[in-house]
Each structure stands twice: as C-alpha cells, then as structure tokens.
Amino acid sequence: MAKSHIDGYLTPADLAKRWKVSLRTVQRYLNEGRIKSIRLPGGQYRIRPEDAEAAITKASA
C-alpha cells in the first residue's frame, strides 16, 4: 500500500485498492458523506483506517 502524506491515514486511491473498487466510487462515497474523512488545505482527502472500516461495516449491515 502506498504511504500517504499523513502517516497512518489512507488516500482515496489507497482505499480504492484496499476495497477493490474504482477511485471514482471512493470519491463518490466521500462526497456523499458515507466515509468520514479529513480534508487537507489543498483539497485532498485523508481517511483514518478505522473510519474506512466503519463505513464498510455500516454498508454491509
């Protein structure tokens, strides 16, 4: 897995690879608020692994 700019956080591309979905799917989930994330000053998203896990758990319930 690629290292993000903030240690321990995932980039949307990292998450797409982990979930085996397209980057566009992760971006859509971020825009819809399905995945909790932080936004960096440049507009990039970073996702805590536990927030990604919570999103996938909620979606599969």
PDB file of N, CA and C in Angstrom:
ATOM      1  N   MET A   1       0.846  -1.176   0.000  1.00  0.00           N
ATOM      2  CA  MET A   1       0.000   0.000   0.000  1.00  0.00           C
ATOM      3  C   MET A   1       0.892   1.240   0.000  1.00  0.00           C
ATOM      4  N   ALA A   2       0.512   2.227  -0.757  1.00  0.00           N
ATOM      5  CA  ALA A   2       1.281   3.461  -0.838  1.00  0.00           C
ATOM      6  C   ALA A   2       1.185   4.226   0.477  1.00  0.00           C
ATOM      7  N   LYS A   3       2.241   4.928   0.796  1.00  0.00           N
ATOM      8  CA  LYS A   3       2.292   5.716   2.014  1.00  0.00           C
ATOM      9  C   LYS A   3       1.637   7.069   1.754  1.00  0.00           C
ATOM     10  N   SER A   4       0.702   7.477   2.569  1.00  0.00           N
ATOM     11  CA  SER A   4       0.075   8.776   2.396  1.00  0.00           C
ATOM     12  C   SER A   4       0.953   9.850   3.020  1.00  0.00           C
ATOM     13  N   HIS A   5       0.568  11.080   2.805  1.00  0.00           N
ATOM     14  CA  HIS A   5       1.340  12.192   3.339  1.00  0.00           C
ATOM     15  C   HIS A   5       1.228  12.296   4.851  1.00  0.00           C
ATOM     16  N   ILE A   6       0.176  11.759   5.402  1.00  0.00           N
ATOM     17  CA  ILE A   6      -0.013  11.759   6.846  1.00  0.00           C
ATOM     18  C   ILE A   6       0.064  10.300   7.284  1.00  0.00           C
ATOM     19  N   ASP A   7       1.087   9.970   8.042  1.00  0.00           N
ATOM     20  CA  ASP A   7       1.272   8.578   8.456  1.00  0.00           C
ATOM     21  C   ASP A   7       0.025   8.022   9.127  1.00  0.00           C
ATOM     22  N   GLY A   8      -0.350   6.832   8.724  1.00  0.00           N
ATOM     23  CA  GLY A   8      -1.499   6.163   9.310  1.00  0.00           C
ATOM     24  C   GLY A   8      -2.810   6.465   8.620  1.00  0.00           C
ATOM     25  N   TYR A   9      -2.847   7.457   7.774  1.00  0.00           N
ATOM     26  CA  TYR A   9      -4.069   7.807   7.056  1.00  0.00           C
ATOM     27  C   TYR A   9      -4.006   7.247   5.649  1.00  0.00           C
ATOM     28  N   LEU A  10      -5.167   6.983   5.076  1.00  0.00           N
ATOM     29  CA  LEU A  10      -5.258   6.455   3.725  1.00  0.00           C
ATOM     30  C   LEU A  10      -5.649   7.554   2.751  1.00  0.00           C
ATOM     31  N   THR A  11      -5.134   7.476   1.548  1.00  0.00           N
ATOM     32  CA  THR A  11      -5.610   8.341   0.479  1.00  0.00           C
ATOM     33  C   THR A  11      -6.816   7.655  -0.146  1.00  0.00           C
ATOM     34  N   PRO A  12      -7.627   8.372  -0.893  1.00  0.00           N
ATOM     35  CA  PRO A  12      -8.723   7.715  -1.592  1.00  0.00           C
ATOM     36  C   PRO A  12      -8.231   6.591  -2.518  1.00  0.00           C
ATOM     37  N   ALA A  13      -7.096   6.780  -3.159  1.00  0.00           N
ATOM     38  CA  ALA A  13      -6.539   5.733  -4.029  1.00  0.00           C
ATOM     39  C   ALA A  13      -6.153   4.498  -3.224  1.00  0.00           C
ATOM     40  N   ASP A  14      -5.573   4.695  -2.041  1.00  0.00           N
ATOM     41  CA  ASP A  14      -5.238   3.568  -1.159  1.00  0.00           C
ATOM     42  C   ASP A  14      -6.497   2.777  -0.812  1.00  0.00           C
ATOM     43  N   LEU A  15      -7.549   3.498  -0.471  1.00  0.00           N
ATOM     44  CA  LEU A  15      -8.789   2.850  -0.068  1.00  0.00           C
ATOM     45  C   LEU A  15      -9.431   2.114  -1.240  1.00  0.00           C
ATOM     46  N   ALA A  16      -9.383   2.702  -2.422  1.00  0.00           N
ATOM     47  CA  ALA A  16      -9.935   2.046  -3.606  1.00  0.00           C
ATOM     48  C   ALA A  16      -9.219   0.727  -3.866  1.00  0.00           C
ATOM     49  N   LYS A  17      -7.914   0.712  -3.723  1.00  0.00           N
ATOM     50  CA  LYS A  17      -7.159  -0.535  -3.907  1.00  0.00           C
ATOM     51  C   LYS A  17      -7.519  -1.545  -2.832  1.00  0.00           C
ATOM     52  N   ARG A  18      -7.650  -1.086  -1.603  1.00  0.00           N
ATOM     53  CA  ARG A  18      -7.964  -1.979  -0.488  1.00  0.00           C
ATOM     54  C   ARG A  18      -9.341  -2.616  -0.660  1.00  0.00           C
ATOM     55  N   TRP A  19     -10.302  -1.818  -1.100  1.00  0.00           N
ATOM     56  CA  TRP A  19     -11.668  -2.305  -1.278  1.00  0.00           C
ATOM     57  C   TRP A  19     -11.898  -2.942  -2.642  1.00  0.00           C
ATOM     58  N   LYS A  20     -10.916  -2.817  -3.543  1.00  0.00           N
ATOM     59  CA  LYS A  20     -11.049  -3.337  -4.912  1.00  0.00           C
ATOM     60  C   LYS A  20     -12.237  -2.715  -5.641  1.00  0.00           C
ATOM     61  N   VAL A  21     -12.318  -1.391  -5.546  1.00  0.00           N
ATOM     62  CA  VAL A  21     -13.323  -0.609  -6.266  1.00  0.00           C
ATOM     63  C   VAL A  21     -12.600   0.502  -7.009  1.00  0.00           C
ATOM     64  N   SER A  22     -13.320   1.220  -7.837  1.00  0.00           N
ATOM     65  CA  SER A  22     -12.694   2.320  -8.571  1.00  0.00           C
ATOM     66  C   SER A  22     -12.474   3.521  -7.651  1.00  0.00           C
ATOM     67  N   LEU A  23     -11.525   4.342  -8.041  1.00  0.00           N
ATOM     68  CA  LEU A  23     -11.267   5.582  -7.309  1.00  0.00           C
ATOM     69  C   LEU A  23     -12.513   6.455  -7.323  1.00  0.00           C
ATOM     70  N   ARG A  24     -13.228   6.461  -8.433  1.00  0.00           N
ATOM     71  CA  ARG A  24     -14.441   7.268  -8.545  1.00  0.00           C
ATOM     72  C   ARG A  24     -15.492   6.837  -7.512  1.00  0.00           C
ATOM     73  N   THR A  25     -15.589   5.556  -7.232  1.00  0.00           N
ATOM     74  CA  THR A  25     -16.527   5.071  -6.220  1.00  0.00           C
ATOM     75  C   THR A  25     -16.176   5.637  -4.847  1.00  0.00           C
ATOM     76  N   VAL A  26     -14.895   5.598  -4.504  1.00  0.00           N
ATOM     77  CA  VAL A  26     -14.468   6.153  -3.206  1.00  0.00           C
ATOM     78  C   VAL A  26     -14.734   7.651  -3.175  1.00  0.00           C
ATOM     79  N   GLN A  27     -14.446   8.354  -4.260  1.00  0.00           N
ATOM     80  CA  GLN A  27     -14.695   9.795  -4.300  1.00  0.00           C
ATOM     81  C   GLN A  27     -16.185  10.092  -4.131  1.00  0.00           C
ATOM     82  N   ARG A  28     -17.025   9.297  -4.756  1.00  0.00           N
ATOM     83  CA  ARG A  28     -18.469   9.492  -4.617  1.00  0.00           C
ATOM     84  C   ARG A  28     -18.899   9.274  -3.170  1.00  0.00           C
ATOM     85  N   TYR A  29     -18.386   8.210  -2.537  1.00  0.00           N
ATOM     86  CA  TYR A  29     -18.713   7.952  -1.136  1.00  0.00           C
ATOM     87  C   TYR A  29     -18.252   9.092  -0.231  1.00  0.00           C
ATOM     88  N   LEU A  30     -17.089   9.653  -0.521  1.00  0.00           N
ATOM     89  CA  LEU A  30     -16.600  10.794   0.261  1.00  0.00           C
ATOM     90  C   LEU A  30     -17.532  11.996   0.096  1.00  0.00           C
ATOM     91  N   ASN A  31     -17.910  12.284  -1.149  1.00  0.00           N
ATOM     92  CA  ASN A  31     -18.797  13.422  -1.413  1.00  0.00           C
ATOM     93  C   ASN A  31     -20.168  13.244  -0.791  1.00  0.00           C
ATOM     94  N   GLU A  32     -20.637  11.996  -0.716  1.00  0.00           N
ATOM     95  CA  GLU A  32     -21.952  11.707  -0.125  1.00  0.00           C
ATOM     96  C   GLU A  32     -21.902  11.627   1.393  1.00  0.00           C
ATOM     97  N   GLY A  33     -20.690  11.650   1.966  1.00  0.00           N
ATOM     98  CA  GLY A  33     -20.549  11.574   3.413  1.00  0.00           C
ATOM     99  C   GLY A  33     -20.616  10.162   3.962  1.00  0.00           C
ATOM    100  N   ARG A  34     -20.523   9.157   3.109  1.00  0.00           N
ATOM    101  CA  ARG A  34     -20.568   7.772   3.572  1.00  0.00           C
ATOM    102  C   ARG A  34     -19.290   7.369   4.294  1.00  0.00           C
ATOM    103  N   ILE A  35     -18.196   8.055   3.975  1.00  0.00           N
ATOM    104  CA  ILE A  35     -16.905   7.779   4.609  1.00  0.00           C
ATOM    105  C   ILE A  35     -16.465   9.054   5.320  1.00  0.00           C
ATOM    106  N   LYS A  36     -16.229   8.949   6.613  1.00  0.00           N
ATOM    107  CA  LYS A  36     -15.726  10.080   7.382  1.00  0.00           C
ATOM    108  C   LYS A  36     -14.273  10.330   6.979  1.00  0.00           C
ATOM    109  N   SER A  37     -13.918  11.591   6.752  1.00  0.00           N
ATOM    110  CA  SER A  37     -12.558  11.909   6.311  1.00  0.00           C
ATOM    111  C   SER A  37     -12.167  13.302   6.779  1.00  0.00           C
ATOM    112  N   ILE A  38     -10.896  13.620   6.575  1.00  0.00           N
ATOM    113  CA  ILE A  38     -10.436  14.988   6.795  1.00  0.00           C
ATOM    114  C   ILE A  38     -10.026  15.532   5.441  1.00  0.00           C
ATOM    115  N   ARG A  39     -10.073  16.829   5.311  1.00  0.00           N
ATOM    116  CA  ARG A  39      -9.690  17.473   4.074  1.00  0.00           C
ATOM    117  C   ARG A  39      -8.477  18.354   4.340  1.00  0.00           C
ATOM    118  N   LEU A  40      -7.451  18.161   3.575  1.00  0.00           N
ATOM    119  CA  LEU A  40      -6.223  18.937   3.716  1.00  0.00           C
ATOM    120  C   LEU A  40      -6.390  20.302   3.051  1.00  0.00           C
ATOM    121  N   PRO A  41      -5.531  21.270   3.393  1.00  0.00           N
ATOM    122  CA  PRO A  41      -5.658  22.613   2.820  1.00  0.00           C
ATOM    123  C   PRO A  41      -5.678  22.628   1.287  1.00  0.00           C
ATOM    124  N   GLY A  42      -5.017  21.696   0.649  1.00  0.00           N
ATOM    125  CA  GLY A  42      -5.002  21.637  -0.811  1.00  0.00           C
ATOM    126  C   GLY A  42      -6.238  20.980  -1.406  1.00  0.00           C
ATOM    127  N   GLY A  43      -7.159  20.504  -0.559  1.00  0.00           N
ATOM    128  CA  GLY A  43      -8.395  19.892  -1.021  1.00  0.00           C
ATOM    129  C   GLY A  43      -8.359  18.370  -1.066  1.00  0.00           C
ATOM    130  N   GLN A  44      -7.210  17.764  -0.777  1.00  0.00           N
ATOM    131  CA  GLN A  44      -7.116  16.300  -0.796  1.00  0.00           C
ATOM    132  C   GLN A  44      -7.794  15.720   0.442  1.00  0.00           C
ATOM    133  N   TYR A  45      -8.291  14.500   0.265  1.00  0.00           N
ATOM    134  CA  TYR A  45      -8.915  13.786   1.370  1.00  0.00           C
ATOM    135  C   TYR A  45      -7.925  12.814   1.995  1.00  0.00           C
ATOM    136  N   ARG A  46      -8.062  12.599   3.302  1.00  0.00           N
ATOM    137  CA  ARG A  46      -7.341  11.547   4.012  1.00  0.00           C
ATOM    138  C   ARG A  46      -8.338  10.854   4.916  1.00  0.00           C
ATOM    139  N   ILE A  47      -8.201   9.537   4.997  1.00  0.00           N
ATOM    140  CA  ILE A  47      -9.173   8.715   5.703  1.00  0.00           C
ATOM    141  C   ILE A  47      -8.462   7.878   6.755  1.00  0.00           C
ATOM    142  N   ARG A  48      -8.974   7.911   7.969  1.00  0.00           N
ATOM    143  CA  ARG A  48      -8.425   7.042   9.010  1.00  0.00           C
ATOM    144  C   ARG A  48      -8.863   5.618   8.723  1.00  0.00           C
ATOM    145  N   PRO A  49      -7.975   4.653   8.905  1.00  0.00           N
ATOM    146  CA  PRO A  49      -8.361   3.255   8.645  1.00  0.00           C
ATOM    147  C   PRO A  49      -9.607   2.823   9.422  1.00  0.00           C
ATOM    148  N   GLU A  50      -9.744   3.282  10.648  1.00  0.00           N
ATOM    149  CA  GLU A  50     -10.923   2.891  11.437  1.00  0.00           C
ATOM    150  C   GLU A  50     -12.203   3.504  10.872  1.00  0.00           C
ATOM    151  N   ASP A  51     -12.125   4.684  10.243  1.00  0.00           N
ATOM    152  CA  ASP A  51     -13.303   5.274   9.602  1.00  0.00           C
ATOM    153  C   ASP A  51     -13.667   4.499   8.339  1.00  0.00           C
ATOM    154  N   ALA A  52     -12.669   4.023   7.607  1.00  0.00           N
ATOM    155  CA  ALA A  52     -12.923   3.195   6.436  1.00  0.00           C
ATOM    156  C   ALA A  52     -13.593   1.901   6.858  1.00  0.00           C
ATOM    157  N   GLU A  53     -13.095   1.294   7.918  1.00  0.00           N
ATOM    158  CA  GLU A  53     -13.669   0.046   8.428  1.00  0.00           C
ATOM    159  C   GLU A  53     -15.120   0.268   8.878  1.00  0.00           C
ATOM    160  N   ALA A  54     -15.375   1.382   9.546  1.00  0.00           N
ATOM    161  CA  ALA A  54     -16.738   1.688   9.996  1.00  0.00           C
ATOM    162  C   ALA A  54     -17.678   1.869   8.803  1.00  0.00           C
ATOM    163  N   ALA A  55     -17.186   2.484   7.736  1.00  0.00           N
ATOM    164  CA  ALA A  55     -18.013   2.703   6.548  1.00  0.00           C
ATOM    165  C   ALA A  55     -18.365   1.386   5.872  1.00  0.00           C
ATOM    166  N   ILE A  56     -17.404   0.494   5.768  1.00  0.00           N
ATOM    167  CA  ILE A  56     -17.666  -0.779   5.102  1.00  0.00           C
ATOM    168  C   ILE A  56     -18.550  -1.672   5.975  1.00  0.00           C
ATOM    169  N   THR A  57     -18.380  -1.594   7.288  1.00  0.00           N
ATOM    170  CA  THR A  57     -19.225  -2.361   8.207  1.00  0.00           C
ATOM    171  C   THR A  57     -20.666  -1.877   8.134  1.00  0.00           C
ATOM    172  N   LYS A  58     -20.848  -0.569   8.102  1.00  0.00           N
ATOM    173  CA  LYS A  58     -22.187   0.020   8.032  1.00  0.00           C
ATOM    174  C   LYS A  58     -22.848  -0.352   6.701  1.00  0.00           C
ATOM    175  N   ALA A  59     -22.082  -0.338   5.618  1.00  0.00           N
ATOM    176  CA  ALA A  59     -22.636  -0.640   4.300  1.00  0.00           C
ATOM    177  C   ALA A  59     -23.057  -2.094   4.167  1.00  0.00           C
ATOM    178  N   SER A  60     -22.351  -2.976   4.864  1.00  0.00           N
ATOM    179  CA  SER A  60     -22.671  -4.400   4.748  1.00  0.00           C
ATOM    180  C   SER A  60     -23.707  -4.869   5.758  1.00  0.00           C
ATOM    181  N   ALA A  61     -24.137  -3.980   6.635  1.00  0.00           N
ATOM    182  CA  ALA A  61     -25.126  -4.354   7.664  1.00  0.00           C
ATOM    183  C   ALA A  61     -26.528  -4.324   7.131  1.00  0.00           C
TER     184      ALA A  61
END
